[in-house]
Amino acid sequence: MPSDGQVRGAILGCVDPRDAAGELERTIDRYNDAWNAQDLEAILAFHAPGMVFENHTAGDRVEGDAVREHIARIFERNPDLRFTGRRLYARDGLVVSEWTATATSRSGQRVEWDGVDVFPFEGGLILRKDVYSSSHDPRIVDE
């Protein structure tokens, strides 16, 4: 082990222990809990300064301080939005998370859609959140 407390990664060389795959699995679990609680402050605590939030499906991209308002608007539009993890892939410095979201549509129907988030990390903080989902064509859960 290098003398500075970092661990050796297969591709990245020395990896900050906060960016090791096992630690990132735990970090994403806490991050997902914050999203499901719609706890904006807790969510933002996971983000690096200048973090980029890009929803490729919706064509939305914000960064830095604008991320706060963007997420707040998501919660305002979807007060019952919840995520269930389906599969998580973690490696040093990177997490890919498959999930299913549920919410009530504007027409009052309960809907769900699937998605994938890609998270590169540095120093235990999320540098980017790249979202790809089927939110443009959600499934109706109940009628």
Protein backbone atom coordinates (compact mmCIF):
# COMPACT_ATOMS: atom_id res chain seq x y z
CA MET A 1 0.00 0.00 0.00
CA PRO A 2 1.35 3.46 -0.80
CA SER A 3 2.49 5.41 2.25
CA ASP A 4 -0.16 8.16 1.84
CA GLY A 5 -3.05 5.81 2.70
CA GLN A 6 -4.24 5.40 -0.88
CA VAL A 7 -5.01 1.97 -2.30
CA ARG A 8 -3.73 0.64 -5.56
CA GLY A 9 -6.42 0.31 -8.28
CA ALA A 10 -6.22 -2.00 -11.27
CA ILE A 11 -6.35 0.78 -13.86
CA LEU A 12 -6.15 4.08 -12.04
CA GLY A 13 -2.96 3.44 -10.10
CA CYS A 14 -3.31 4.90 -6.62
CA VAL A 15 -6.93 5.46 -5.62
CA ASP A 16 -8.20 7.61 -2.79
CA PRO A 17 -9.76 5.16 -0.28
CA ARG A 18 -13.02 7.16 -0.55
CA ASP A 19 -13.13 6.21 -4.26
CA ALA A 20 -12.57 2.46 -3.77
CA ALA A 21 -15.36 0.32 -5.21
CA GLY A 22 -16.64 -0.99 -1.86
CA GLU A 23 -16.78 2.48 -0.35
CA LEU A 24 -18.58 3.84 -3.41
CA GLU A 25 -21.28 1.16 -3.05
CA ARG A 26 -21.96 2.43 0.47
CA THR A 27 -21.84 6.04 -0.72
CA ILE A 28 -24.40 5.43 -3.46
CA ASP A 29 -26.69 3.66 -0.97
CA ARG A 30 -26.66 6.79 1.21
CA TYR A 31 -27.07 9.04 -1.84
CA ASN A 32 -30.12 7.05 -2.98
CA ASP A 33 -31.59 7.26 0.52
CA ALA A 34 -31.21 11.06 0.37
CA TRP A 35 -33.00 11.16 -3.01
CA ASN A 36 -35.87 9.04 -1.68
CA ALA A 37 -36.15 11.31 1.37
CA GLN A 38 -36.00 14.31 -1.01
CA ASP A 39 -33.35 15.74 1.32
CA LEU A 40 -31.77 18.39 -0.89
CA GLU A 41 -29.00 19.30 1.56
CA ALA A 42 -27.96 15.67 2.01
CA ILE A 43 -27.93 15.13 -1.76
CA LEU A 44 -25.79 18.20 -2.36
CA ALA A 45 -23.28 17.07 0.29
CA PHE A 46 -22.36 14.17 -2.02
CA HIS A 47 -21.54 16.51 -4.94
CA ALA A 48 -18.13 17.94 -5.77
CA PRO A 49 -17.93 21.69 -6.41
CA GLY A 50 -18.74 22.31 -10.06
CA MET A 51 -20.61 19.00 -10.29
CA VAL A 52 -22.43 18.41 -13.60
CA PHE A 53 -25.97 16.99 -13.60
CA GLU A 54 -26.97 15.92 -17.09
CA ASN A 55 -30.20 14.15 -17.95
CA HIS A 56 -29.57 12.98 -21.50
CA THR A 57 -33.18 11.84 -21.95
CA ALA A 58 -34.70 15.18 -20.97
CA GLY A 59 -31.96 17.25 -22.58
CA ASP A 60 -31.21 18.99 -19.26
CA ARG A 61 -27.69 19.97 -18.19
CA VAL A 62 -26.78 22.07 -15.16
CA GLU A 63 -23.60 22.45 -13.17
CA GLY A 64 -22.22 23.94 -9.99
CA ASP A 65 -24.64 26.04 -7.95
CA ALA A 66 -27.44 25.56 -10.52
CA VAL A 67 -27.71 21.87 -9.53
CA ARG A 68 -29.46 22.82 -6.26
CA GLU A 69 -32.34 24.61 -8.00
CA HIS A 70 -32.60 21.92 -10.69
CA ILE A 71 -33.06 19.13 -8.12
CA ALA A 72 -35.45 21.27 -6.06
CA ARG A 73 -37.63 21.70 -9.17
CA ILE A 74 -37.61 17.93 -9.75
CA PHE A 75 -38.99 17.45 -6.23
CA GLU A 76 -41.56 20.24 -6.65
CA ARG A 77 -42.89 18.57 -9.81
CA ASN A 78 -42.73 15.08 -8.31
CA PRO A 79 -43.40 15.19 -4.55
CA ASP A 80 -43.84 11.41 -4.36
CA LEU A 81 -40.89 10.47 -6.62
CA ARG A 82 -39.08 7.38 -5.33
CA PHE A 83 -36.30 5.20 -6.71
CA THR A 84 -35.70 1.49 -6.29
CA GLY A 85 -32.27 0.16 -7.19
CA ARG A 86 -32.16 -2.77 -9.58
CA ARG A 87 -28.44 -3.30 -10.03
CA LEU A 88 -25.25 -1.52 -9.06
CA TYR A 89 -21.87 -1.75 -10.75
CA ALA A 90 -19.01 -0.24 -8.79
CA ARG A 91 -15.33 -0.01 -9.59
CA ASP A 92 -12.69 2.31 -8.26
CA GLY A 93 -13.75 5.87 -9.10
CA LEU A 94 -16.96 4.94 -10.97
CA VAL A 95 -20.49 3.71 -10.25
CA VAL A 96 -23.23 2.72 -12.68
CA SER A 97 -26.64 2.38 -11.05
CA GLU A 98 -29.72 0.81 -12.66
CA TRP A 99 -33.00 1.90 -11.08
CA THR A 100 -36.77 2.10 -11.42
CA ALA A 101 -38.54 5.36 -10.53
CA THR A 102 -42.18 5.72 -9.50
CA ALA A 103 -44.25 8.89 -9.25
CA THR A 104 -47.70 10.29 -9.88
CA SER A 105 -48.10 11.82 -13.32
CA ARG A 106 -49.72 15.20 -13.93
CA SER A 107 -52.90 13.33 -14.92
CA GLY A 108 -52.95 11.59 -11.52
CA GLN A 109 -51.85 8.16 -12.69
CA ARG A 110 -49.18 6.19 -10.89
CA VAL A 111 -46.30 5.62 -13.35
CA GLU A 112 -42.85 4.06 -13.38
CA TRP A 113 -39.83 4.11 -15.64
CA ASP A 114 -36.37 2.58 -15.71
CA GLY A 115 -33.07 4.35 -15.86
CA VAL A 116 -29.32 4.26 -15.47
CA ASP A 117 -27.07 6.78 -13.71
CA VAL A 118 -23.34 6.99 -14.38
CA PHE A 119 -21.27 8.57 -11.59
CA PRO A 120 -17.55 9.31 -11.78
CA PHE A 121 -16.11 10.12 -8.33
CA GLU A 122 -13.11 11.97 -6.99
CA GLY A 123 -12.25 12.25 -3.31
CA GLY A 124 -15.49 10.48 -2.41
CA LEU A 125 -17.60 13.12 -4.18
CA ILE A 126 -19.72 12.86 -7.33
CA LEU A 127 -18.19 14.76 -10.25
CA ARG A 128 -21.07 14.09 -12.67
CA LYS A 129 -24.50 12.46 -12.69
CA ASP A 130 -25.33 11.31 -16.21
CA VAL A 131 -28.93 10.08 -16.39
CA TYR A 132 -30.39 7.90 -19.15
CA SER A 133 -34.00 6.74 -18.73
CA SER A 134 -37.31 5.74 -20.28
CA SER A 135 -39.08 8.66 -18.55
CA HIS A 136 -40.32 9.86 -21.94
CA ASP A 137 -42.50 6.70 -22.12
CA PRO A 138 -43.40 5.66 -18.54
CA ARG A 139 -45.43 2.56 -17.71
CA ILE A 140 -48.79 3.04 -15.99
CA VAL A 141 -48.73 1.18 -12.67
CA ASP A 142 -52.43 1.47 -11.83
CA GLU A 143 -55.43 2.86 -13.63
